[in-house]
Amino acid sequence: MNVPFLLRLLSNFPKRVGLSTCILLHLFGFNLFGQGDVKQQVENHDSILMTYYESGDYQQSKTYALDILKGDSLNQVTLGVLAQIYESEQNIAKAIKYNSLRFKSDSTNAKICRKLGQLYAEAEIIREAQYYYRLANRLNSRDILAIKGLIDIYMLTENLTSADSLIAVGMEIDSSNVGLLLARARVSYKTKYMNQVVTALDKAGNMTNLNNYYLRMLGYANLQIDSLDKAVHCLRSALETDRNPEFTYYYLALAHERLKEPTIAAKYYEEAIEAGISKELHTYYQRLGMLMVREEKYKEAYAYLSEALKLKRDPISLYFMALTCDHRFKDKSKALTYFKEVLNNPGMLDNAMLSYAKARTQLLEEEMHQKKSKP
């Protein structure tokens, strides 16, 4: 039986049966496409390759695809299949290679540009990622995925103005897109527009469940605009799945302190200290010490502020330690020492605190001088 006759015979079978037979013959080494129309050969090659690919046999797909490329190095179907296989295998370098070959033959294809932007971003090659995402955006200005990808690049490079402008463009296309709302929240958070953070996350939260990252962001934003009850609700919700709850505890402590609930606030400061792995540990000891001073619990204040000062000798901790010593000890020498250190290193200390430190230092020096001068 000669090959042309075999091809005519297979054409009478249903398409899938015919392809399956072609694949079997290919596996046994028969070259079915040595004769006949070139276009038909390409279509048959593509069909066989897609059958392999759709069956999930990636190894055979790669073998057959590479064989096709030996005779047709720019076959778009083959390059696309290889690109998708290597991406699924997390072989980003080869996924980029085959998508780049597709791009050379089809440089106006916005989807290929977007895919290259995505792959370069995953490879953390930011310059190329930005180039391809921008090109994808120029080729198709309504492609939300390209817009979101480019926004992420702008955020990564701290180009917040461009990110905000592009978010506005995207929102005109789809004002209910959750990804764009989350991007708006992130940019607004970095630029400290907390009302916009709340508006964006409230809207996104009505359409999807916010993860603990965004719940914590929403809680902090509400804290900043004095929506304290809502802040507490969001932050407690964030704790349910928070693997690193240090900052969530801290924000909860701040919220309860502003709600005039010092016992609960102290509990959360202690939780933040227990969970603390960041450079902010000093802050938690400092805030807890300050809280104890306001509650007139000077023994506890002294312990917490001592820990804060071990980590960092900043003006605020020194000032509250001076107050603590002034109230706790009859011997005012410690208080005077701390007040003097504050005056020697005032930093950005509040004017009222600085004025009090100066006045108290002068008074304590006079008192101590009088005691020394007595016979």
Protein backbone atom coordinates (compact mmCIF):
# COMPACT_ATOMS: atom_id res chain seq x y z
CA MET A 1 0.00 0.00 0.00
CA ASN A 2 1.57 3.27 -1.07
CA VAL A 3 1.50 6.46 1.07
CA PRO A 4 -0.91 8.57 -1.07
CA PHE A 5 -3.45 5.76 -1.05
CA LEU A 6 -3.08 5.47 2.73
CA LEU A 7 -3.70 9.19 3.16
CA ARG A 8 -6.85 9.01 0.98
CA LEU A 9 -8.03 6.07 3.05
CA LEU A 10 -7.48 7.90 6.34
CA SER A 11 -9.37 10.94 5.05
CA ASN A 12 -12.55 8.81 4.96
CA PHE A 13 -12.30 8.16 8.72
CA PRO A 14 -13.62 10.58 11.32
CA LYS A 15 -11.03 13.26 12.11
CA ARG A 16 -10.05 11.99 15.60
CA VAL A 17 -9.80 8.37 14.44
CA GLY A 18 -7.70 9.45 11.49
CA LEU A 19 -5.38 11.46 13.67
CA SER A 20 -5.00 8.61 16.12
CA THR A 21 -3.97 6.33 13.25
CA CYS A 22 -1.53 8.99 11.99
CA ILE A 23 0.03 9.17 15.43
CA LEU A 24 0.45 5.40 15.59
CA LEU A 25 2.06 5.34 12.17
CA HIS A 26 4.30 8.26 13.18
CA LEU A 27 5.42 6.33 16.26
CA PHE A 28 6.35 3.36 14.05
CA GLY A 29 8.45 5.60 11.80
CA PHE A 30 6.19 6.08 8.76
CA ASN A 31 6.64 9.48 7.11
CA LEU A 32 3.10 10.20 5.99
CA PHE A 33 3.88 13.71 4.85
CA GLY A 34 6.71 13.18 2.48
CA GLN A 35 4.44 13.86 -0.48
CA GLY A 36 1.49 16.07 -1.23
CA ASP A 37 0.49 19.64 -0.49
CA VAL A 38 2.79 21.52 1.93
CA LYS A 39 -0.11 23.33 3.62
CA GLN A 40 -1.83 20.00 4.25
CA GLN A 41 1.41 18.64 5.70
CA VAL A 42 1.65 21.56 8.14
CA GLU A 43 -1.99 21.20 9.17
CA ASN A 44 -1.52 17.49 9.82
CA HIS A 45 1.67 18.10 11.81
CA ASP A 46 -0.15 20.71 13.90
CA SER A 47 -3.12 18.42 14.47
CA ILE A 48 -0.94 15.53 15.62
CA LEU A 49 1.02 17.83 17.93
CA MET A 50 -2.17 19.24 19.45
CA THR A 51 -3.49 15.72 20.03
CA TYR A 52 -0.34 14.85 21.96
CA TYR A 53 -0.53 18.11 23.90
CA GLU A 54 -4.22 17.85 24.76
CA SER A 55 -3.70 14.28 25.97
CA GLY A 56 -1.24 15.60 28.55
CA ASP A 57 1.74 13.70 27.10
CA TYR A 58 4.20 16.59 27.33
CA GLN A 59 7.31 14.51 26.75
CA GLN A 60 6.02 13.15 23.42
CA SER A 61 4.69 16.62 22.59
CA LYS A 62 8.16 18.15 23.04
CA THR A 63 9.82 15.42 21.00
CA TYR A 64 7.38 15.82 18.13
CA ALA A 65 7.42 19.64 18.34
CA LEU A 66 11.20 19.83 18.15
CA ASP A 67 11.08 17.49 15.14
CA ILE A 68 8.61 19.84 13.41
CA LEU A 69 10.87 22.84 14.07
CA LYS A 70 13.72 21.15 12.18
CA GLY A 71 11.74 21.69 9.00
CA ASP A 72 9.69 24.72 9.98
CA SER A 73 11.55 26.80 12.59
CA LEU A 74 8.85 29.49 12.84
CA ASN A 75 5.77 27.25 13.08
CA GLN A 76 3.52 29.30 15.37
CA VAL A 77 1.46 26.39 16.71
CA THR A 78 4.58 24.43 17.59
CA LEU A 79 6.31 27.39 19.24
CA GLY A 80 3.15 28.13 21.20
CA VAL A 81 2.84 24.55 22.45
CA LEU A 82 6.49 24.45 23.53
CA ALA A 83 6.15 27.81 25.27
CA GLN A 84 3.09 26.60 27.21
CA ILE A 85 4.70 23.29 28.16
CA TYR A 86 7.87 24.92 29.47
CA GLU A 87 5.84 27.52 31.36
CA SER A 88 3.80 24.74 33.01
CA GLU A 89 7.09 23.07 33.99
CA GLN A 90 8.26 26.42 35.45
CA ASN A 91 11.16 26.47 33.02
CA ILE A 92 10.82 30.23 32.58
CA ALA A 93 13.99 30.63 30.48
CA LYS A 94 12.73 28.25 27.77
CA ALA A 95 9.21 29.64 27.97
CA ILE A 96 10.71 33.06 27.24
CA LYS A 97 12.83 31.58 24.41
CA TYR A 98 9.88 30.11 22.51
CA ASN A 99 7.58 33.07 23.13
CA SER A 100 10.36 35.34 21.85
CA LEU A 101 10.50 33.29 18.65
CA ARG A 102 6.74 33.69 18.32
CA PHE A 103 7.15 37.45 18.84
CA LYS A 104 9.74 37.68 16.00
CA SER A 105 7.15 36.35 13.57
CA ASP A 106 4.16 38.12 15.08
CA SER A 107 5.35 41.32 16.77
CA THR A 108 1.91 42.94 16.75
CA ASN A 109 0.29 40.16 18.78
CA ALA A 110 -0.69 41.79 22.08
CA LYS A 111 -1.20 38.44 23.84
CA ILE A 112 2.36 37.33 23.08
CA CYS A 113 3.68 40.68 24.32
CA ARG A 114 1.68 40.36 27.51
CA LYS A 115 2.92 36.81 28.05
CA LEU A 116 6.53 37.93 27.64
CA GLY A 117 5.89 40.73 30.13
CA GLN A 118 4.51 38.20 32.61
CA LEU A 119 7.41 35.76 32.13
CA TYR A 120 10.10 38.42 32.45
CA ALA A 121 8.36 39.69 35.60
CA GLU A 122 8.42 36.16 37.04
CA ALA A 123 12.11 35.98 36.19
CA GLU A 124 12.56 39.35 37.96
CA ILE A 125 14.00 40.91 34.81
CA ILE A 126 12.11 44.14 35.29
CA ARG A 127 13.33 46.22 32.37
CA GLU A 128 12.18 43.68 29.78
CA ALA A 129 8.95 43.01 31.67
CA GLN A 130 8.10 46.70 31.54
CA TYR A 131 8.99 46.91 27.83
CA TYR A 132 6.68 44.05 26.81
CA TYR A 133 3.82 45.08 29.09
CA ARG A 134 3.98 48.61 27.68
CA LEU A 135 3.98 47.24 24.13
CA ALA A 136 1.01 44.99 24.94
CA ASN A 137 -0.80 48.01 26.37
CA ARG A 138 -0.11 50.06 23.23
CA LEU A 139 -1.32 47.24 20.99
CA ASN A 140 -4.49 46.67 23.03
CA SER A 141 -5.29 49.47 25.46
CA ARG A 142 -8.29 47.56 26.86
CA ASP A 143 -6.34 44.47 27.91
CA ILE A 144 -6.90 44.49 31.68
CA LEU A 145 -4.28 41.78 32.29
CA ALA A 146 -1.62 43.87 30.56
CA ILE A 147 -2.75 46.94 32.51
CA LYS A 148 -2.54 45.07 35.83
CA GLY A 149 0.86 43.63 34.91
CA LEU A 150 2.23 47.07 34.08
CA ILE A 151 0.76 48.51 37.30
CA ASP A 152 2.61 45.81 39.26
CA ILE A 153 5.87 46.80 37.55
CA TYR A 154 5.28 50.48 38.35
CA MET A 155 4.57 49.55 41.96
CA LEU A 156 7.72 47.45 42.15
CA THR A 157 9.83 50.31 40.83
CA GLU A 158 8.07 52.85 43.09
CA ASN A 159 6.70 54.72 40.07
CA LEU A 160 3.50 55.45 41.97
CA THR A 161 2.36 58.37 39.77
CA SER A 162 2.36 56.19 36.63
CA ALA A 163 0.72 53.35 38.55
CA ASP A 164 -2.07 55.63 39.76
CA SER A 165 -2.64 57.06 36.27
CA LEU A 166 -2.88 53.59 34.74
CA ILE A 167 -5.25 52.42 37.47
CA ALA A 168 -7.53 55.33 36.56
CA VAL A 169 -7.45 54.21 32.90
CA GLY A 170 -8.24 50.63 33.90
CA MET A 171 -11.11 51.72 36.15
CA GLU A 172 -12.71 53.56 33.26
CA ILE A 173 -12.77 50.22 31.40
CA ASP A 174 -13.94 48.13 34.37
CA SER A 175 -14.69 49.96 37.62
CA SER A 176 -15.61 46.71 39.40
CA ASN A 177 -12.43 44.81 38.61
CA VAL A 178 -11.21 43.39 41.92
CA GLY A 179 -7.56 43.35 40.83
CA LEU A 180 -7.68 47.04 39.95
CA LEU A 181 -9.43 47.89 43.22
CA LEU A 182 -6.71 46.08 45.16
CA ALA A 183 -4.06 47.94 43.13
CA ARG A 184 -5.80 51.23 43.92
CA ALA A 185 -5.70 50.32 47.61
CA ARG A 186 -1.98 49.47 47.49
CA VAL A 187 -1.03 52.71 45.72
CA SER A 188 -3.24 54.81 48.00
CA TYR A 189 -1.73 53.10 51.05
CA LYS A 190 1.79 53.95 49.90
CA THR A 191 0.80 57.55 49.17
CA LYS A 192 -1.10 57.76 52.50
CA TYR A 193 -4.54 58.48 51.05
CA MET A 194 -6.29 56.33 53.63
CA ASN A 195 -9.84 57.29 52.66
CA GLN A 196 -9.16 55.92 49.16
CA VAL A 197 -7.75 52.72 50.69
CA VAL A 198 -10.97 52.22 52.67
CA THR A 199 -13.21 52.99 49.68
CA ALA A 200 -11.34 50.59 47.36
CA LEU A 201 -11.10 47.72 49.85
CA ASP A 202 -14.70 48.06 51.01
CA LYS A 203 -15.82 47.73 47.38
CA ALA A 204 -13.47 44.81 46.71
CA GLY A 205 -14.57 43.13 49.94
CA ASN A 206 -18.17 43.15 48.73
CA MET A 207 -17.12 41.01 45.75
CA THR A 208 -14.48 38.69 47.23
CA ASN A 209 -13.00 37.59 50.55
CA LEU A 210 -10.04 39.80 51.39
CA ASN A 211 -6.95 37.94 52.59
CA ASN A 212 -5.23 38.88 55.83
CA TYR A 213 -2.81 41.24 54.02
CA TYR A 214 -5.66 43.41 52.75
CA LEU A 215 -7.70 43.04 55.95
CA ARG A 216 -4.72 44.34 57.92
CA MET A 217 -4.33 47.19 55.41
CA LEU A 218 -8.03 48.03 55.73
CA GLY A 219 -7.79 47.88 59.51
CA TYR A 220 -4.81 50.24 59.58
CA ALA A 221 -6.46 52.64 57.11
CA ASN A 222 -9.58 52.78 59.29
CA LEU A 223 -7.36 53.36 62.31
CA GLN A 224 -5.78 56.34 60.54
CA ILE A 225 -9.16 57.92 59.78
CA ASP A 226 -10.44 57.19 63.32
CA SER A 227 -13.00 54.55 62.34
CA LEU A 228 -11.83 52.64 65.38
CA ASP A 229 -14.58 50.01 65.75
CA LYS A 230 -14.27 49.09 62.09
CA ALA A 231 -10.48 48.97 62.45
CA VAL A 232 -10.77 46.50 65.34
CA HIS A 233 -13.22 44.33 63.38
CA CYS A 234 -10.93 44.15 60.31
CA LEU A 235 -7.78 43.50 62.33
CA ARG A 236 -9.37 40.73 64.38
CA SER A 237 -10.56 39.11 61.16
CA ALA A 238 -7.01 39.34 59.80
CA LEU A 239 -5.69 37.46 62.83
CA GLU A 240 -7.66 34.34 61.87
CA THR A 241 -5.26 33.47 59.05
CA ASP A 242 -2.26 35.68 59.87
CA ARG A 243 0.98 33.68 59.87
CA ASN A 244 2.97 36.70 60.96
CA PRO A 245 0.61 38.62 63.25
CA GLU A 246 3.17 41.02 64.73
CA PHE A 247 1.87 44.17 63.02
CA THR A 248 -1.77 43.13 63.37
CA TYR A 249 -1.31 42.91 67.14
CA TYR A 250 0.39 46.31 67.14
CA TYR A 251 -2.41 47.99 65.18
CA LEU A 252 -4.99 46.39 67.47
CA ALA A 253 -3.11 47.78 70.47
CA LEU A 254 -3.17 51.27 68.95
CA ALA A 255 -6.90 50.99 68.21
CA HIS A 256 -7.80 49.89 71.74
CA GLU A 257 -5.56 52.57 73.22
CA ARG A 258 -7.49 55.21 71.27
CA LEU A 259 -10.75 53.58 72.38
CA LYS A 260 -9.62 54.22 75.98
CA GLU A 261 -9.26 50.50 76.69
CA PRO A 262 -5.76 50.36 78.22
CA THR A 263 -5.98 46.80 79.56
CA ILE A 264 -6.84 45.37 76.12
CA ALA A 265 -4.27 47.64 74.47
CA ALA A 266 -1.55 46.41 76.85
CA LYS A 267 -2.48 42.80 76.07
CA TYR A 268 -2.01 43.37 72.33
CA TYR A 269 1.28 45.25 72.81
CA GLU A 270 2.54 42.22 74.74
CA GLU A 271 1.32 39.92 71.94
CA ALA A 272 3.22 42.07 69.43
CA ILE A 273 6.37 41.77 71.57
CA GLU A 274 5.92 37.99 71.79
CA ALA A 275 5.44 37.69 68.00
CA GLY A 276 8.03 40.36 67.17
CA ILE A 277 10.66 39.48 64.60
CA SER A 278 11.02 42.91 62.95
CA LYS A 279 13.06 45.98 63.80
CA GLU A 280 9.94 47.51 65.37
CA LEU A 281 10.30 45.60 68.65
CA HIS A 282 11.61 48.78 70.25
CA THR A 283 8.38 50.57 69.32
CA TYR A 284 6.19 48.01 71.10
CA TYR A 285 8.17 48.30 74.34
CA GLN A 286 8.11 52.09 74.02
CA ARG A 287 4.34 52.29 73.45
CA LEU A 288 3.66 49.90 76.31
CA GLY A 289 5.91 51.94 78.59
CA MET A 290 4.16 55.16 77.60
CA LEU A 291 0.78 53.53 78.27
CA MET A 292 1.92 52.49 81.75
CA VAL A 293 3.08 56.06 82.48
CA ARG A 294 -0.36 57.40 81.56
CA GLU A 295 -1.91 54.73 83.78
CA GLU A 296 0.51 55.77 86.55
CA LYS A 297 1.95 52.25 86.78
CA TYR A 298 5.52 53.41 87.07
CA LYS A 299 7.08 50.10 88.08
CA GLU A 300 5.79 48.45 84.88
CA ALA A 301 6.66 51.55 82.87
CA TYR A 302 10.25 51.43 84.11
CA ALA A 303 10.60 47.77 83.04
CA TYR A 304 9.19 48.31 79.53
CA LEU A 305 11.08 51.54 78.86
CA SER A 306 14.32 49.92 80.02
CA GLU A 307 13.83 47.28 77.31
CA ALA A 308 13.03 49.95 74.74
CA LEU A 309 16.22 51.87 75.59
CA LYS A 310 18.33 48.72 75.30
CA LEU A 311 17.18 48.49 71.69
CA LYS A 312 17.30 52.21 70.83
CA ARG A 313 18.05 55.37 72.85
CA ASP A 314 15.54 57.67 71.17
CA PRO A 315 14.20 60.98 72.62
CA ILE A 316 10.65 59.70 73.22
CA SER A 317 11.76 56.69 75.30
CA LEU A 318 14.26 58.87 77.18
CA TYR A 319 11.58 61.47 77.94
CA PHE A 320 9.08 58.95 79.31
CA MET A 321 11.83 57.21 81.27
CA ALA A 322 12.68 60.59 82.83
CA LEU A 323 9.02 61.03 83.81
CA THR A 324 8.92 57.50 85.23
CA CYS A 325 12.02 58.00 87.37
CA ASP A 326 10.76 61.40 88.50
CA HIS A 327 7.53 59.83 89.82
CA ARG A 328 8.92 56.52 91.02
CA PHE A 329 12.11 57.41 92.92
CA LYS A 330 12.68 59.84 95.76
CA ASP A 331 16.24 60.24 94.55
CA LYS A 332 15.83 62.48 91.50
CA SER A 333 19.33 61.91 90.13
CA LYS A 334 18.14 59.28 87.60
CA ALA A 335 15.34 61.52 86.43
CA LEU A 336 17.75 64.44 86.02
CA THR A 337 20.18 62.26 84.04
CA TYR A 338 17.44 61.21 81.61
CA PHE A 339 16.07 64.75 81.24
CA LYS A 340 19.56 66.01 80.41
CA GLU A 341 20.06 63.26 77.84
CA VAL A 342 16.77 64.29 76.24
CA LEU A 343 17.94 67.90 76.01
CA ASN A 344 21.26 66.81 74.49
CA ASN A 345 19.45 64.66 71.91
CA PRO A 346 15.99 66.23 71.35
CA GLY A 347 15.53 64.93 67.79
CA MET A 348 11.97 65.67 66.68
CA LEU A 349 10.60 65.79 70.22
CA ASP A 350 7.31 67.62 70.64
CA ASN A 351 7.75 71.28 71.68
CA ALA A 352 5.57 70.85 74.77
CA MET A 353 7.66 67.85 75.90
CA LEU A 354 10.89 69.73 75.21
CA SER A 355 9.70 72.76 77.19
CA TYR A 356 8.70 70.55 80.12
CA ALA A 357 12.08 68.74 80.03
CA LYS A 358 13.92 72.10 80.16
CA ALA A 359 11.78 73.44 83.01
CA ARG A 360 12.00 70.21 85.02
CA THR A 361 15.76 69.96 84.52
CA GLN A 362 16.25 73.48 85.80
CA LEU A 363 14.04 72.85 88.85
CA LEU A 364 15.71 69.54 89.73
CA GLU A 365 19.16 71.08 89.41
CA GLU A 366 18.13 73.89 91.77
CA GLU A 367 16.66 71.42 94.29
CA MET A 368 19.75 69.23 94.24
CA HIS A 369 22.02 72.28 94.57
CA GLN A 370 20.04 73.46 97.59
CA LYS A 371 20.35 70.03 99.25
CA LYS A 372 24.10 70.03 98.72
CA SER A 373 24.49 73.58 100.09
CA LYS A 374 22.63 72.81 103.33
CA PRO A 375 24.98 72.44 106.39
